[in-house]
C-alpha atoms as a PDB file:
ATOM      1  CA  UNK A   1     125.440 107.452 112.185  1.00  0.00           C
ATOM      2  CA  UNK A   2     122.218 106.036 110.403  1.00  0.00           C
ATOM      3  CA  UNK A   3     122.683 103.403 107.987  1.00  0.00           C
ATOM      4  CA  UNK A   4     120.077 102.261 105.164  1.00  0.00           C
ATOM      5  CA  UNK A   5     118.173 103.959 102.519  1.00  0.00           C
ATOM      6  CA  UNK A   6     116.764 107.296 103.626  1.00  0.00           C
ATOM      7  CA  UNK A   7     112.766 106.843 104.042  1.00  0.00           C
ATOM      8  CA  UNK A   8     110.149 109.144 102.657  1.00  0.00           C
ATOM      9  CA  UNK A   9     108.295 111.092 105.042  1.00  0.00           C
ATOM     10  CA  UNK A  10     105.120 109.511 106.395  1.00  0.00           C
ATOM     11  CA  UNK A  11     102.484 112.085 107.185  1.00  0.00           C
ATOM     12  CA  UNK A  12      99.098 110.860 108.699  1.00  0.00           C
ATOM     13  CA  UNK A  13      96.175 113.213 108.639  1.00  0.00           C
ATOM     14  CA  UNK A  14      94.340 113.547 112.065  1.00  0.00           C
ATOM     15  CA  UNK A  15      91.250 111.886 110.744  1.00  0.00           C
ATOM     16  CA  UNK A  16      93.385 108.819 109.412  1.00  0.00           C
ATOM     17  CA  UNK A  17      95.282 108.507 112.680  1.00  0.00           C
ATOM     18  CA  UNK A  18      92.137 108.518 114.647  1.00  0.00           C
ATOM     19  CA  UNK A  19      90.595 105.519 112.320  1.00  0.00           C
ATOM     20  CA  UNK A  20      94.219 103.785 112.521  1.00  0.00           C
ATOM     21  CA  UNK A  21      94.186 103.636 116.414  1.00  0.00           C
ATOM     22  CA  UNK A  22      90.603 102.547 116.138  1.00  0.00           C
ATOM     23  CA  UNK A  23      91.360  99.621 113.895  1.00  0.00           C
ATOM     24  CA  UNK A  24      94.336  98.625 115.831  1.00  0.00           C
ATOM     25  CA  UNK A  25      92.506  98.584 119.298  1.00  0.00           C
ATOM     26  CA  UNK A  26      89.030  97.214 118.167  1.00  0.00           C
ATOM     27  CA  UNK A  27      88.553  93.308 119.135  1.00  0.00           C
ATOM     28  CA  UNK A  28      86.519  92.935 115.926  1.00  0.00           C
ATOM     29  CA  UNK A  29      88.962  94.126 113.602  1.00  0.00           C
ATOM     30  CA  UNK A  30      90.465  91.594 111.262  1.00  0.00           C
ATOM     31  CA  UNK A  31      93.822  90.647 112.746  1.00  0.00           C
ATOM     32  CA  UNK A  32      95.834  91.370 109.422  1.00  0.00           C
ATOM     33  CA  UNK A  33      94.270  94.814 109.127  1.00  0.00           C
ATOM     34  CA  UNK A  34      95.027  95.684 112.749  1.00  0.00           C
ATOM     35  CA  UNK A  35      98.703  94.519 112.498  1.00  0.00           C
ATOM     36  CA  UNK A  36      98.781  96.920 109.336  1.00  0.00           C
ATOM     37  CA  UNK A  37      97.452  99.752 111.256  1.00  0.00           C
ATOM     38  CA  UNK A  38      99.929  99.341 114.273  1.00  0.00           C
ATOM     39  CA  UNK A  39     102.875  99.200 111.717  1.00  0.00           C
ATOM     40  CA  UNK A  40     101.763 102.440 110.218  1.00  0.00           C
ATOM     41  CA  UNK A  41     101.301 104.195 113.460  1.00  0.00           C
ATOM     42  CA  UNK A  42     104.684 102.999 114.675  1.00  0.00           C
ATOM     43  CA  UNK A  43     106.336 104.334 111.582  1.00  0.00           C
ATOM     44  CA  UNK A  44     104.716 107.682 112.342  1.00  0.00           C
ATOM     45  CA  UNK A  45     106.012 107.728 115.816  1.00  0.00           C
ATOM     46  CA  UNK A  46     109.628 108.044 114.120  1.00  0.00           C
ATOM     47  CA  UNK A  47     110.438 104.328 114.800  1.00  0.00           C
ATOM     48  CA  UNK A  48     112.642 102.769 112.034  1.00  0.00           C
ATOM     49  CA  UNK A  49     111.403  99.729 110.072  1.00  0.00           C
ATOM     50  CA  UNK A  50     113.701  97.367 112.386  1.00  0.00           C
ATOM     51  CA  UNK A  51     112.160  98.863 115.492  1.00  0.00           C
ATOM     52  CA  UNK A  52     108.497  98.620 114.272  1.00  0.00           C
ATOM     53  CA  UNK A  53     109.146  94.973 113.114  1.00  0.00           C
ATOM     54  CA  UNK A  54     110.409  93.825 116.563  1.00  0.00           C
ATOM     55  CA  UNK A  55     107.503  95.653 118.315  1.00  0.00           C
ATOM     56  CA  UNK A  56     104.948  94.023 115.994  1.00  0.00           C
ATOM     57  CA  UNK A  57     106.620  90.651 115.423  1.00  0.00           C
ATOM     58  CA  UNK A  58     107.059  90.748 111.891  1.00  0.00           C
ATOM     59  CA  UNK A  59     109.849  91.336 109.297  1.00  0.00           C
ATOM     60  CA  UNK A  60     111.499  94.479 108.319  1.00  0.00           C
ATOM     61  CA  UNK A  61     110.392  93.912 104.765  1.00  0.00           C
ATOM     62  CA  UNK A  62     106.673  93.643 105.940  1.00  0.00           C
ATOM     63  CA  UNK A  63     106.911  96.849 107.698  1.00  0.00           C
ATOM     64  CA  UNK A  64     108.338  98.503 104.355  1.00  0.00           C
ATOM     65  CA  UNK A  65     105.576  97.316 102.463  1.00  0.00           C
ATOM     66  CA  UNK A  66     102.868  98.515 104.374  1.00  0.00           C
ATOM     67  CA  UNK A  67     104.656 101.768 105.199  1.00  0.00           C
ATOM     68  CA  UNK A  68     104.950 102.533 101.595  1.00  0.00           C
ATOM     69  CA  UNK A  69     101.326 101.277 100.663  1.00  0.00           C
ATOM     70  CA  UNK A  70     100.158 103.567 103.093  1.00  0.00           C
ATOM     71  CA  UNK A  71     102.262 106.431 102.058  1.00  0.00           C
ATOM     72  CA  UNK A  72     101.140 105.936  98.599  1.00  0.00           C
ATOM     73  CA  UNK A  73      97.425 104.956  98.775  1.00  0.00           C
ATOM     74  CA  UNK A  74      96.382 106.088 102.394  1.00  0.00           C
ATOM     75  CA  UNK A  75      94.083 103.926 104.376  1.00  0.00           C
ATOM     76  CA  UNK A  76      92.987 101.981 101.319  1.00  0.00           C
ATOM     77  CA  UNK A  77      96.281 100.795 100.631  1.00  0.00           C
ATOM     78  CA  UNK A  78      96.108  98.656 103.846  1.00  0.00           C
ATOM     79  CA  UNK A  79      93.229  96.529 102.253  1.00  0.00           C
ATOM     80  CA  UNK A  80      94.027  93.164 100.652  1.00  0.00           C
ATOM     81  CA  UNK A  81      94.677  93.212  96.972  1.00  0.00           C
ATOM     82  CA  UNK A  82      92.635  90.711  94.931  1.00  0.00           C
ATOM     83  CA  UNK A  83      94.526  87.530  94.628  1.00  0.00           C
ATOM     84  CA  UNK A  84      95.653  86.438  91.138  1.00  0.00           C
ATOM     85  CA  UNK A  85      94.346  83.135  89.409  1.00  0.00           C
ATOM     86  CA  UNK A  86      91.067  81.429  89.765  1.00  0.00           C
ATOM     87  CA  UNK A  87      89.202  81.571  93.045  1.00  0.00           C
ATOM     88  CA  UNK A  88      89.939  78.810  95.539  1.00  0.00           C
ATOM     89  CA  UNK A  89      87.632  75.691  95.428  1.00  0.00           C
ATOM     90  CA  UNK A  90      86.145  74.047  98.670  1.00  0.00           C
ATOM     91  CA  UNK A  91      86.632  70.380  98.041  1.00  0.00           C
ATOM     92  CA  UNK A  92      85.111  69.376 101.230  1.00  0.00           C
ATOM     93  CA  UNK A  93      81.915  71.376 100.252  1.00  0.00           C
ATOM     94  CA  UNK A  94      78.619  69.171  99.426  1.00  0.00           C
ATOM     95  CA  UNK A  95      76.792  72.068  97.815  1.00  0.00           C
END
């Protein structure tokens, strides 16, 4: 018997799937972006959030966040959001 909340279906178009595989495998991809791609691809394979979390070595909440952002916004949902507040200052710079 299944436990937990039912998940909304995650459907990935063929073009997006191909791009996600490329991002996940490419050595020059940002590691955060590659991890997000692997999360989404794992969710599409039918794994639940806990299984994907174990495979990718993140928390179940992290899997849920990126799964839902991809479901709502597509690949653009996997990009970092701008941070609130003033930009960081580099105190060690002599510029």
